Amino acid sequence: MGAAAALVALAITQPAVAAPGAGSKVYGATVEGGVSEVELRYGRLTGGEESGEDALVLELAHGFSDHFYGAILAEFEREPHGSRELEALALEGIVPLGRIKPIELDVGIYGEYEAVRHGSDVVETKLLLQHRKGPFDGRLNLIAGKALHGGEPIEFGYAASVDWKAFGEIRLGAAAFGDLGTGEKLTTHGEHFAGPILKAEIEHFGPGELEIETGYLFALGEARHETDGQLRLNLEYEFRF
């Protein structure tokens, strides 16, 4: 009975873990000073036993200079047939490290501290890589996260995207998110999502610009056992004071 009670208590206090990519984005490696951003990021699983699970992130960010970007965000999650709950509050920052000119690759570093409501706080870092040339924009984020309590190993993952300017302010491409195992065992056999995306920009939307990203990511790897895929919608409004 004691062991059973302990397992129940552990299940109650563990935070829900959103599917890779849900409520997330692929970060660029550069920062524009003086620009503020208000973001809404939403991801919802479709099909399978996890159908209806979703994640919603609200973020307020500012480029304090061309060398530092800071943000505060709130993460909400909802289990299938459940109600949406505040999962965590977080602070994040991005520092560009420079540009590797021979291959036109921008490099940056991302850091985040996440205060989780019903579990261990988490620290996360990302190596940000971005290659832009003409109408092409390719991005890769290599992710490492660590829960501060409980003795859990470091968890690794990735986020990647490629897109091209198709016509006007419309860009077409693809994105992928996934798990790469832990510090105890690296593996590519975890959960992955990948699929097409569309990006659009509306200039002179009030005092700023509205950027829209939408798409559908197909479940791959272990994610196929729980869902068919993931609907995504990211809205980002940029403006200057």
Protein backbone atom coordinates (compact mmCIF):
# COMPACT_ATOMS: atom_id res chain seq x y z
CA MET A 1 0.00 0.00 0.00
CA GLY A 2 2.82 2.41 0.84
CA ALA A 3 4.50 1.85 -2.53
CA ALA A 4 1.19 2.28 -4.37
CA ALA A 5 0.49 5.55 -2.55
CA ALA A 6 3.95 6.83 -3.43
CA LEU A 7 3.39 6.06 -7.11
CA VAL A 8 0.04 7.86 -7.07
CA ALA A 9 1.58 10.90 -5.40
CA LEU A 10 4.38 10.94 -7.96
CA ALA A 11 1.90 10.83 -10.82
CA ILE A 12 -0.04 13.74 -9.37
CA THR A 13 2.99 15.96 -8.83
CA GLN A 14 4.66 15.30 -12.20
CA PRO A 15 3.94 18.04 -14.74
CA ALA A 16 2.40 17.13 -18.05
CA VAL A 17 5.00 16.86 -20.80
CA ALA A 18 3.90 18.48 -24.03
CA ALA A 19 4.62 16.71 -27.30
CA PRO A 20 7.77 17.96 -29.09
CA GLY A 21 6.94 21.16 -30.94
CA ALA A 22 3.61 21.86 -29.21
CA GLY A 23 3.63 25.51 -28.17
CA SER A 24 7.20 25.89 -29.39
CA LYS A 25 9.04 27.43 -32.34
CA VAL A 26 12.38 27.23 -34.12
CA TYR A 27 14.45 30.20 -32.94
CA GLY A 28 16.67 32.28 -35.16
CA ALA A 29 20.25 33.09 -34.15
CA THR A 30 20.14 36.88 -34.50
CA VAL A 31 18.55 39.66 -32.44
CA GLU A 32 17.24 43.08 -33.50
CA GLY A 33 17.61 45.71 -30.81
CA GLY A 34 14.63 47.92 -30.01
CA VAL A 35 12.03 45.46 -31.30
CA SER A 36 9.34 44.13 -28.95
CA GLU A 37 7.28 41.02 -29.62
CA VAL A 38 4.00 39.60 -28.35
CA GLU A 39 3.59 35.94 -29.26
CA LEU A 40 0.93 33.27 -29.09
CA ARG A 41 2.02 29.72 -29.91
CA TYR A 42 -0.46 26.85 -30.06
CA GLY A 43 -0.17 23.14 -30.84
CA ARG A 44 -2.91 20.50 -30.71
CA LEU A 45 -2.59 16.73 -31.20
CA THR A 46 -5.03 15.08 -33.59
CA GLY A 47 -6.02 11.42 -33.76
CA GLY A 48 -5.03 8.58 -31.47
CA GLU A 49 -5.46 8.29 -27.72
CA GLU A 50 -3.85 11.70 -27.12
CA SER A 51 -6.15 13.52 -29.54
CA GLY A 52 -7.18 16.87 -28.07
CA GLU A 53 -4.08 17.36 -25.94
CA ASP A 54 -2.74 20.85 -26.54
CA ALA A 55 -0.18 23.41 -25.43
CA LEU A 56 -0.51 27.20 -25.47
CA VAL A 57 2.33 29.65 -24.84
CA LEU A 58 1.97 33.41 -24.36
CA GLU A 59 5.21 35.38 -24.57
CA LEU A 60 6.33 38.99 -24.24
CA ALA A 61 9.84 39.69 -25.51
CA HIS A 62 12.15 42.62 -26.21
CA GLY A 63 15.43 43.07 -28.03
CA PHE A 64 17.36 45.16 -25.53
CA SER A 65 20.20 45.49 -28.04
CA ASP A 66 21.55 43.65 -31.06
CA HIS A 67 23.36 41.45 -28.54
CA PHE A 68 20.59 40.43 -26.10
CA TYR A 69 16.95 39.41 -26.30
CA GLY A 70 14.90 38.70 -23.17
CA ALA A 71 11.39 37.35 -22.67
CA ILE A 72 8.86 36.22 -20.09
CA LEU A 73 6.33 33.55 -20.95
CA ALA A 74 3.46 31.52 -19.56
CA GLU A 75 2.83 27.93 -20.62
CA PHE A 76 -0.62 26.34 -20.51
CA GLU A 77 -1.43 22.70 -21.22
CA ARG A 78 -4.58 20.65 -21.56
CA GLU A 79 -4.96 16.89 -21.41
CA PRO A 80 -7.58 15.16 -23.61
CA HIS A 81 -11.08 15.86 -22.22
CA GLY A 82 -9.53 18.04 -19.50
CA SER A 83 -9.36 21.75 -18.83
CA ARG A 84 -6.47 24.05 -19.68
CA GLU A 85 -4.14 24.73 -16.75
CA LEU A 86 -1.16 26.98 -16.20
CA GLU A 87 1.82 24.63 -16.33
CA ALA A 88 4.81 26.95 -15.89
CA LEU A 89 6.21 30.48 -15.99
CA ALA A 90 9.59 31.06 -17.58
CA LEU A 91 12.30 33.59 -18.35
CA GLU A 92 14.38 33.22 -21.50
CA GLY A 93 17.23 35.02 -23.19
CA ILE A 94 19.16 34.87 -26.46
CA VAL A 95 22.74 36.02 -27.04
CA PRO A 96 24.06 36.00 -30.64
CA LEU A 97 27.61 34.64 -30.77
CA GLY A 98 28.53 35.75 -34.26
CA ARG A 99 28.62 34.68 -37.88
CA ILE A 100 30.77 32.06 -39.58
CA LYS A 101 31.25 33.95 -42.84
CA PRO A 102 32.62 31.19 -45.11
CA ILE A 103 29.37 29.22 -44.74
CA GLU A 104 27.11 32.20 -43.91
CA LEU A 105 26.03 30.61 -40.63
CA ASP A 106 24.77 32.71 -37.71
CA VAL A 107 25.30 31.18 -34.26
CA GLY A 108 23.58 32.05 -30.99
CA ILE A 109 22.90 30.64 -27.54
CA TYR A 110 19.54 30.44 -25.77
CA GLY A 111 18.88 30.00 -22.06
CA GLU A 112 15.64 29.48 -20.15
CA TYR A 113 14.61 29.03 -16.52
CA GLU A 114 11.18 27.44 -16.16
CA ALA A 115 9.30 27.54 -12.85
CA VAL A 116 6.96 24.52 -13.00
CA ARG A 117 3.79 24.60 -10.89
CA HIS A 118 3.51 20.93 -9.98
CA GLY A 119 7.00 19.59 -10.47
CA SER A 120 10.70 20.33 -10.56
CA ASP A 121 11.90 23.58 -12.10
CA VAL A 122 13.79 23.15 -15.36
CA VAL A 123 16.75 24.88 -17.00
CA GLU A 124 17.17 24.62 -20.75
CA THR A 125 19.79 25.72 -23.25
CA LYS A 126 19.76 25.72 -27.04
CA LEU A 127 22.50 26.11 -29.59
CA LEU A 128 20.95 28.25 -32.32
CA LEU A 129 22.15 27.85 -35.90
CA GLN A 130 20.73 29.81 -38.85
CA HIS A 131 21.69 30.00 -42.53
CA ARG A 132 20.07 32.65 -44.68
CA LYS A 133 20.78 33.24 -48.34
CA GLY A 134 18.45 34.98 -50.75
CA PRO A 135 14.93 33.58 -50.32
CA PHE A 136 16.17 30.64 -48.19
CA ASP A 137 16.11 30.46 -44.36
CA GLY A 138 17.31 27.33 -42.58
CA ARG A 139 17.35 26.96 -38.79
CA LEU A 140 18.51 24.27 -36.35
CA ASN A 141 18.14 24.38 -32.55
CA LEU A 142 20.01 21.75 -30.54
CA ILE A 143 18.35 21.49 -27.11
CA ALA A 144 19.49 20.32 -23.66
CA GLY A 145 17.20 20.50 -20.62
CA LYS A 146 17.64 19.47 -16.98
CA ALA A 147 15.15 19.19 -14.13
CA LEU A 148 16.72 20.72 -11.02
CA HIS A 149 15.36 18.14 -8.57
CA GLY A 150 14.70 14.41 -8.61
CA GLY A 151 17.98 13.24 -10.10
CA GLU A 152 16.66 13.09 -13.68
CA PRO A 153 19.31 13.01 -16.45
CA ILE A 154 19.78 15.77 -19.02
CA GLU A 155 17.28 15.47 -21.86
CA PHE A 156 18.25 16.30 -25.44
CA GLY A 157 16.13 17.33 -28.40
CA TYR A 158 16.05 19.38 -31.57
CA ALA A 159 13.91 21.81 -33.55
CA ALA A 160 14.54 22.53 -37.22
CA SER A 161 12.94 24.39 -40.10
CA VAL A 162 13.59 25.35 -43.71
CA ASP A 163 11.51 27.77 -45.74
CA TRP A 164 11.66 29.76 -48.95
CA LYS A 165 10.01 32.98 -50.04
CA ALA A 166 7.37 31.77 -52.50
CA PHE A 167 5.56 34.96 -53.49
CA GLY A 168 4.87 38.32 -51.86
CA GLU A 169 5.11 37.89 -48.08
CA ILE A 170 4.34 34.15 -48.21
CA ARG A 171 6.98 31.57 -47.30
CA LEU A 172 6.62 27.79 -47.72
CA GLY A 173 8.69 25.14 -46.00
CA ALA A 174 8.84 22.37 -43.44
CA ALA A 175 9.55 22.01 -39.72
CA ALA A 176 10.55 19.14 -37.43
CA PHE A 177 10.75 18.67 -33.66
CA GLY A 178 11.87 15.67 -31.67
CA ASP A 179 13.61 13.93 -28.79
CA LEU A 180 17.21 12.73 -28.86
CA GLY A 181 17.29 10.78 -25.61
CA THR A 182 19.09 11.61 -22.37
CA GLY A 183 22.57 11.92 -20.96
CA GLU A 184 22.30 8.26 -19.99
CA LYS A 185 21.20 7.06 -23.42
CA LEU A 186 21.18 9.06 -26.64
CA THR A 187 18.65 7.75 -29.16
CA THR A 188 16.66 8.78 -32.22
CA HIS A 189 13.83 6.38 -31.39
CA GLY A 190 11.81 8.84 -29.30
CA GLU A 191 8.91 11.09 -30.30
CA HIS A 192 9.23 13.13 -33.49
CA PHE A 193 6.92 15.40 -35.49
CA ALA A 194 7.59 16.74 -39.00
CA GLY A 195 5.56 18.30 -41.77
CA PRO A 196 4.82 21.31 -43.99
CA ILE A 197 4.49 24.89 -42.75
CA LEU A 198 3.34 28.18 -44.21
CA LYS A 199 4.50 31.58 -43.04
CA ALA A 200 2.97 34.97 -43.85
CA GLU A 201 3.71 38.54 -42.85
CA ILE A 202 1.28 41.46 -42.74
CA GLU A 203 3.15 44.76 -42.74
CA HIS A 204 1.75 48.00 -41.32
CA PHE A 205 -0.64 46.08 -39.07
CA GLY A 206 -1.31 48.93 -36.67
CA PRO A 207 2.01 50.28 -35.41
CA GLY A 208 3.83 47.02 -36.17
CA GLU A 209 3.90 43.81 -38.18
CA LEU A 210 1.99 40.56 -37.74
CA GLU A 211 3.73 37.28 -38.56
CA ILE A 212 1.70 34.08 -38.93
CA GLU A 213 2.97 30.51 -39.05
CA THR A 214 0.72 27.49 -39.45
CA GLY A 215 1.19 23.88 -40.42
CA TYR A 216 0.58 20.22 -39.74
CA LEU A 217 3.28 17.94 -38.36
CA PHE A 218 2.96 14.18 -38.80
CA ALA A 219 3.75 11.93 -35.85
CA LEU A 220 6.90 9.84 -36.28
CA GLY A 221 8.76 7.33 -34.11
CA GLU A 222 7.19 6.63 -30.73
CA ALA A 223 4.74 9.51 -31.21
CA ARG A 224 2.81 7.34 -33.70
CA HIS A 225 1.66 5.14 -30.80
CA GLU A 226 -0.22 8.07 -29.23
CA THR A 227 -1.37 10.41 -32.01
CA ASP A 228 -1.53 10.96 -35.75
CA GLY A 229 -0.07 14.43 -35.82
CA GLN A 230 -0.06 18.00 -34.58
CA LEU A 231 -1.82 21.15 -35.76
CA ARG A 232 0.22 24.31 -35.19
CA LEU A 233 -0.49 28.04 -35.16
CA ASN A 234 2.01 30.72 -34.15
CA LEU A 235 1.15 34.44 -34.12
CA GLU A 236 3.85 37.03 -33.54
CA TYR A 237 3.31 40.79 -33.40
CA GLU A 238 6.43 42.97 -33.66
CA PHE A 239 6.60 46.66 -32.89
CA ARG A 240 8.93 49.40 -31.68
CA PHE A 241 8.32 51.74 -28.78
